[in-house]
């Protein structure tokens, strides 16, 4: 694994493990959606014109859309 990046830094198809958050003020919705430290995620879509990114949590069939500010606040240890 390489150094910490954010979900926003991933390319489509890249996977990684959530290592933490860039802020102490974490929205509760992240936890409710399963975006917790230790969770494995894959970037599935990046919508155009500054739209959201869509991630999939391992072992889930649903996609979660995140605004760029949200995606930039979730730290990832990317798999090489």
N, C-alpha and C. Protein backbone atom coordinates (compact mmCIF):
# COMPACT_ATOMS: atom_id res chain seq x y z
N UNK A 1 0.84 -1.17 0.00
CA UNK A 1 0.00 0.00 0.00
C UNK A 1 0.88 1.24 0.00
N UNK A 2 0.37 2.31 -0.53
CA UNK A 2 1.13 3.55 -0.58
C UNK A 2 0.63 4.51 0.49
N UNK A 3 1.16 5.74 0.43
CA UNK A 3 0.79 6.72 1.44
C UNK A 3 -0.67 7.14 1.32
N UNK A 4 -1.14 7.87 2.33
CA UNK A 4 -2.54 8.26 2.37
C UNK A 4 -2.91 9.21 1.25
N UNK A 5 -4.04 8.95 0.65
CA UNK A 5 -4.68 9.80 -0.33
C UNK A 5 -6.11 9.96 0.14
N UNK A 6 -6.92 10.63 -0.65
CA UNK A 6 -8.35 10.70 -0.34
C UNK A 6 -9.12 9.93 -1.41
N UNK A 7 -10.38 9.68 -1.13
CA UNK A 7 -11.23 9.02 -2.13
C UNK A 7 -11.23 9.83 -3.42
N UNK A 8 -11.21 11.16 -3.30
CA UNK A 8 -11.24 12.01 -4.49
C UNK A 8 -10.02 11.79 -5.38
N UNK A 9 -8.89 11.37 -4.81
CA UNK A 9 -7.65 11.14 -5.57
C UNK A 9 -7.65 9.83 -6.36
N UNK A 10 -8.57 8.93 -6.05
CA UNK A 10 -8.60 7.63 -6.72
C UNK A 10 -9.04 7.78 -8.18
N UNK A 11 -8.59 6.86 -9.01
CA UNK A 11 -9.06 6.76 -10.39
C UNK A 11 -10.15 5.70 -10.43
N UNK A 12 -10.98 5.75 -11.45
CA UNK A 12 -12.05 4.76 -11.59
C UNK A 12 -11.45 3.36 -11.59
N UNK A 13 -11.99 2.50 -10.74
CA UNK A 13 -11.51 1.13 -10.62
C UNK A 13 -10.50 0.93 -9.50
N UNK A 14 -9.92 2.03 -8.98
CA UNK A 14 -8.95 1.91 -7.88
C UNK A 14 -9.67 1.56 -6.58
N UNK A 15 -8.97 0.80 -5.75
CA UNK A 15 -9.52 0.39 -4.45
C UNK A 15 -8.56 0.78 -3.34
N UNK A 16 -9.10 0.86 -2.15
CA UNK A 16 -8.28 1.16 -0.98
C UNK A 16 -9.06 0.92 0.29
N UNK A 17 -8.35 1.13 1.40
CA UNK A 17 -8.95 0.96 2.73
C UNK A 17 -9.05 2.33 3.38
N UNK A 18 -10.20 2.63 3.95
CA UNK A 18 -10.37 3.90 4.65
C UNK A 18 -9.49 3.88 5.89
N UNK A 19 -8.59 4.87 5.98
CA UNK A 19 -7.67 4.93 7.12
C UNK A 19 -8.09 5.97 8.14
N UNK A 20 -8.99 6.86 7.77
CA UNK A 20 -9.44 7.89 8.70
C UNK A 20 -10.06 9.05 7.96
N UNK A 21 -10.12 10.18 8.65
CA UNK A 21 -10.75 11.37 8.10
C UNK A 21 -9.84 12.57 8.32
N UNK A 22 -9.92 13.54 7.44
CA UNK A 22 -9.05 14.71 7.52
C UNK A 22 -9.51 15.71 8.57
N UNK A 23 -10.68 15.51 9.12
CA UNK A 23 -11.24 16.43 10.11
C UNK A 23 -11.81 15.64 11.27
N UNK A 24 -11.79 16.25 12.43
CA UNK A 24 -12.42 15.63 13.61
C UNK A 24 -13.94 15.71 13.53
N UNK A 25 -14.45 16.63 12.71
CA UNK A 25 -15.89 16.86 12.59
C UNK A 25 -16.44 15.99 11.47
N UNK A 26 -16.67 14.72 11.77
CA UNK A 26 -17.10 13.74 10.78
C UNK A 26 -18.63 13.65 10.76
N UNK A 27 -19.23 13.80 9.57
CA UNK A 27 -20.68 13.64 9.51
C UNK A 27 -21.10 12.22 9.91
N UNK A 28 -22.11 12.11 10.73
CA UNK A 28 -22.62 10.81 11.18
C UNK A 28 -23.07 9.96 9.99
N UNK A 29 -23.47 10.63 8.89
CA UNK A 29 -23.94 9.86 7.73
C UNK A 29 -22.86 8.96 7.16
N UNK A 30 -21.57 9.34 7.30
CA UNK A 30 -20.49 8.46 6.83
C UNK A 30 -20.57 7.12 7.54
N UNK A 31 -20.74 7.17 8.85
CA UNK A 31 -20.82 5.94 9.63
C UNK A 31 -22.08 5.15 9.29
N UNK A 32 -23.19 5.87 9.11
CA UNK A 32 -24.45 5.20 8.78
C UNK A 32 -24.38 4.50 7.42
N UNK A 33 -23.58 5.05 6.50
CA UNK A 33 -23.43 4.45 5.17
C UNK A 33 -22.38 3.35 5.12
N UNK A 34 -21.64 3.17 6.22
CA UNK A 34 -20.61 2.15 6.26
C UNK A 34 -19.23 2.64 5.89
N UNK A 35 -19.07 3.95 5.75
CA UNK A 35 -17.77 4.54 5.42
C UNK A 35 -16.99 4.76 6.72
N UNK A 36 -16.45 3.68 7.25
CA UNK A 36 -15.76 3.71 8.54
C UNK A 36 -14.30 3.29 8.34
N UNK A 37 -13.42 3.72 9.24
CA UNK A 37 -12.03 3.27 9.14
C UNK A 37 -11.95 1.74 9.09
N UNK A 38 -11.16 1.26 8.15
CA UNK A 38 -11.01 -0.19 7.95
C UNK A 38 -11.86 -0.73 6.81
N UNK A 39 -12.87 0.04 6.37
CA UNK A 39 -13.72 -0.40 5.26
C UNK A 39 -12.95 -0.31 3.95
N UNK A 40 -13.18 -1.28 3.06
CA UNK A 40 -12.57 -1.29 1.74
C UNK A 40 -13.55 -0.70 0.74
N UNK A 41 -13.08 0.22 -0.09
CA UNK A 41 -13.93 0.88 -1.08
C UNK A 41 -13.27 0.85 -2.45
N UNK A 42 -14.12 0.94 -3.48
CA UNK A 42 -13.67 1.03 -4.87
C UNK A 42 -14.37 2.20 -5.51
N UNK A 43 -13.61 3.04 -6.23
CA UNK A 43 -14.22 4.15 -6.96
C UNK A 43 -14.83 3.59 -8.24
N UNK A 44 -16.13 3.76 -8.41
CA UNK A 44 -16.84 3.19 -9.56
C UNK A 44 -17.15 4.22 -10.63
N UNK A 45 -17.48 5.46 -10.23
CA UNK A 45 -17.86 6.49 -11.21
C UNK A 45 -17.38 7.85 -10.74
N UNK A 46 -17.10 8.70 -11.70
CA UNK A 46 -16.77 10.10 -11.44
C UNK A 46 -17.64 10.90 -12.41
N UNK A 47 -18.62 11.59 -11.89
CA UNK A 47 -19.55 12.31 -12.75
C UNK A 47 -18.92 13.62 -13.22
N UNK A 48 -19.28 14.09 -14.42
CA UNK A 48 -18.64 15.27 -15.01
C UNK A 48 -19.05 16.58 -14.35
N UNK A 49 -18.31 17.62 -14.71
CA UNK A 49 -18.60 19.00 -14.31
C UNK A 49 -18.62 19.18 -12.80
N UNK A 50 -17.68 18.56 -12.12
CA UNK A 50 -17.59 18.71 -10.66
C UNK A 50 -18.66 17.97 -9.90
N UNK A 51 -19.30 17.02 -10.57
CA UNK A 51 -20.34 16.23 -9.91
C UNK A 51 -19.75 15.28 -8.90
N UNK A 52 -20.59 14.49 -8.27
CA UNK A 52 -20.11 13.57 -7.23
C UNK A 52 -19.30 12.40 -7.79
N UNK A 53 -18.59 11.75 -6.88
CA UNK A 53 -17.94 10.48 -7.19
C UNK A 53 -18.78 9.38 -6.56
N UNK A 54 -18.78 8.22 -7.16
CA UNK A 54 -19.55 7.09 -6.64
C UNK A 54 -18.61 5.98 -6.21
N UNK A 55 -18.76 5.54 -4.97
CA UNK A 55 -17.92 4.47 -4.45
C UNK A 55 -18.78 3.28 -4.06
N UNK A 56 -18.14 2.13 -4.05
CA UNK A 56 -18.80 0.90 -3.61
C UNK A 56 -18.00 0.35 -2.45
N UNK A 57 -18.70 0.04 -1.37
CA UNK A 57 -18.06 -0.59 -0.23
C UNK A 57 -18.00 -2.08 -0.51
N UNK A 58 -16.85 -2.69 -0.23
CA UNK A 58 -16.67 -4.12 -0.49
C UNK A 58 -17.84 -4.92 0.09
N UNK A 59 -18.28 -5.91 -0.62
CA UNK A 59 -19.39 -6.79 -0.22
C UNK A 59 -20.74 -6.10 -0.24
N UNK A 60 -20.85 -4.97 -0.94
CA UNK A 60 -22.13 -4.28 -1.07
C UNK A 60 -22.43 -4.11 -2.55
N UNK A 61 -23.70 -4.11 -2.91
CA UNK A 61 -24.07 -3.90 -4.30
C UNK A 61 -24.45 -2.45 -4.58
N UNK A 62 -24.66 -1.66 -3.55
CA UNK A 62 -25.09 -0.28 -3.76
C UNK A 62 -23.90 0.65 -3.93
N UNK A 63 -24.13 1.73 -4.70
CA UNK A 63 -23.14 2.78 -4.87
C UNK A 63 -23.50 3.94 -3.97
N UNK A 64 -22.48 4.60 -3.44
CA UNK A 64 -22.67 5.76 -2.57
C UNK A 64 -22.08 6.96 -3.28
N UNK A 65 -22.88 8.00 -3.49
CA UNK A 65 -22.41 9.23 -4.14
C UNK A 65 -21.90 10.19 -3.07
N UNK A 66 -20.71 10.74 -3.32
CA UNK A 66 -20.09 11.68 -2.40
C UNK A 66 -19.74 12.97 -3.13
N UNK A 67 -20.05 14.12 -2.53
CA UNK A 67 -19.62 15.40 -3.08
C UNK A 67 -18.09 15.46 -3.03
N UNK A 68 -17.50 16.33 -3.83
CA UNK A 68 -16.04 16.41 -3.84
C UNK A 68 -15.48 16.79 -2.47
N UNK A 69 -16.18 17.65 -1.73
CA UNK A 69 -15.69 18.02 -0.39
C UNK A 69 -15.73 16.83 0.56
N UNK A 70 -16.75 15.99 0.43
CA UNK A 70 -16.85 14.78 1.26
C UNK A 70 -15.77 13.78 0.87
N UNK A 71 -15.60 13.57 -0.44
CA UNK A 71 -14.59 12.62 -0.92
C UNK A 71 -13.18 13.06 -0.53
N UNK A 72 -12.95 14.37 -0.45
CA UNK A 72 -11.64 14.89 -0.05
C UNK A 72 -11.39 14.76 1.44
N UNK A 73 -12.41 14.48 2.22
CA UNK A 73 -12.23 14.39 3.68
C UNK A 73 -12.04 12.95 4.16
N UNK A 74 -12.16 11.97 3.25
CA UNK A 74 -12.01 10.56 3.62
C UNK A 74 -10.65 10.06 3.14
N UNK A 75 -9.77 9.74 4.10
CA UNK A 75 -8.41 9.30 3.79
C UNK A 75 -8.40 7.82 3.42
N UNK A 76 -7.60 7.49 2.42
CA UNK A 76 -7.54 6.13 1.86
C UNK A 76 -6.09 5.66 1.82
N UNK A 77 -5.88 4.40 2.15
CA UNK A 77 -4.62 3.74 1.85
C UNK A 77 -4.87 2.96 0.57
N UNK A 78 -4.34 3.45 -0.53
CA UNK A 78 -4.61 2.88 -1.84
C UNK A 78 -3.81 1.59 -2.04
N UNK A 79 -4.44 0.61 -2.68
CA UNK A 79 -3.76 -0.63 -3.03
C UNK A 79 -3.00 -0.42 -4.32
N UNK A 80 -1.79 -0.95 -4.37
CA UNK A 80 -0.97 -0.82 -5.59
C UNK A 80 -1.33 -1.88 -6.59
